[in-house]
Amino acid sequence: MKIIFMGTPDFAVPTFQKLIDNGYCILGAFTQPDKPVGRKQHELVFSPVKSCAIKNNIKIFQPTTLRSDEVIGTIKALEPDAIVVAAYGKILPKEVLNIPKYGCINVHGSLLPKYRGAAPIQRSIINGEKVTGITTMLMDEGLDTGDILLAKEIEILEDDTSESLFKKMSHAGANLLIETIKLLENNKLIRIKQDELLASYSGIIKKIDAKIDWNKLSKEVYNLIRGMNPWPIAYTYIKKNKLLKIYKAKISDMPSNIPGEVLNINPLIISCGGGTSLELSEVQLEGKKRIKAEEFTRGYKILKNDLLGDRRYS
């Protein structure tokens, strides 16, 4: 089978590499344009998929849009049997969806129709889900609305972060994609329509989403911290409106009263809503390095009954 691969971040690489390792003819890799980084935005960084394509001598395409006649003509000229998409970051127009004989297959990080959209893995952790999964689906013009091909459940462990879950799901997605293509080649796939009544959406993550609301239960704050790691990292404000990022924490059994209040210094325990509390494990003060909470309390003047958060930032 001749395949065009479309993907951008680390999540997509295991699927891309699995296709290569299984001997499929990869006609090209479509990925997002290189991003400028650094203070002066002079250095360009390749996407993980582009780096993988270079390593495997696969032709790279980085269009800013898939809607131009030139790009559509290029895809048609390649004559793909299928287009495989994994976290590409662009909408495929109808003209592209209709090109391959077997259609466009998406590897999505949830059990559809739950958590359609851009951030299913983060949102599943933030919402306290115990189980998530990978779905392969036949793409249509909607946002993750196409027919389900295969799905695999994945347990979310109590200490999973978005980073650890991304890794597990990316490898599970690669295996499920190969299984999907083999069944597709042998005309053994059963397409399942999605139930719109069960559909939910996971909007793109923004930095403001990572701001901690200490009025919430400790379990909710804990899930936010896990879900926002490795990006953008959950945060709050400490004295003089200094931003404090929180990388790791754990549920405490210390009773509490005022949300955001420092209940204890070592270990560093913060009051949450509903009489619950949270112990901070790893933090990073604005302009400083990421450190253990006990190092932070030794080097920064923080007192019992201090309050985290600031109403001006609510």
Foldseek 3Di string as FASTA:
>chain_A
DEEEEAAFAPLQVLLVVLCVVVPHHHQAYEAADWFQDDPVSPDTDGTPVVVVCVVVVGHYDHDPACPDPVNLVVLLVSQGQEYEYEHRPYQHDPSNQPRHVLGYKYKDWFDPLEAFDDQSLLVCLLVPHQKTWIWIFHDDRDRPQGWTFDIDMDGDDPQAASVNSSVVRSNVSSVVVVVSVVCSVVVNTDTHGGDPVPHDHDYDDDPLQQEDDQQDAPSSNQSSQRSCPPPPARWWAFPPRWIKGANHKAWDPQFDDDRQFFADQVQTKGHGHPRTIMGTAWMAIVPGDIDGSNVVSVVDPDDGGGGIHDPVSD
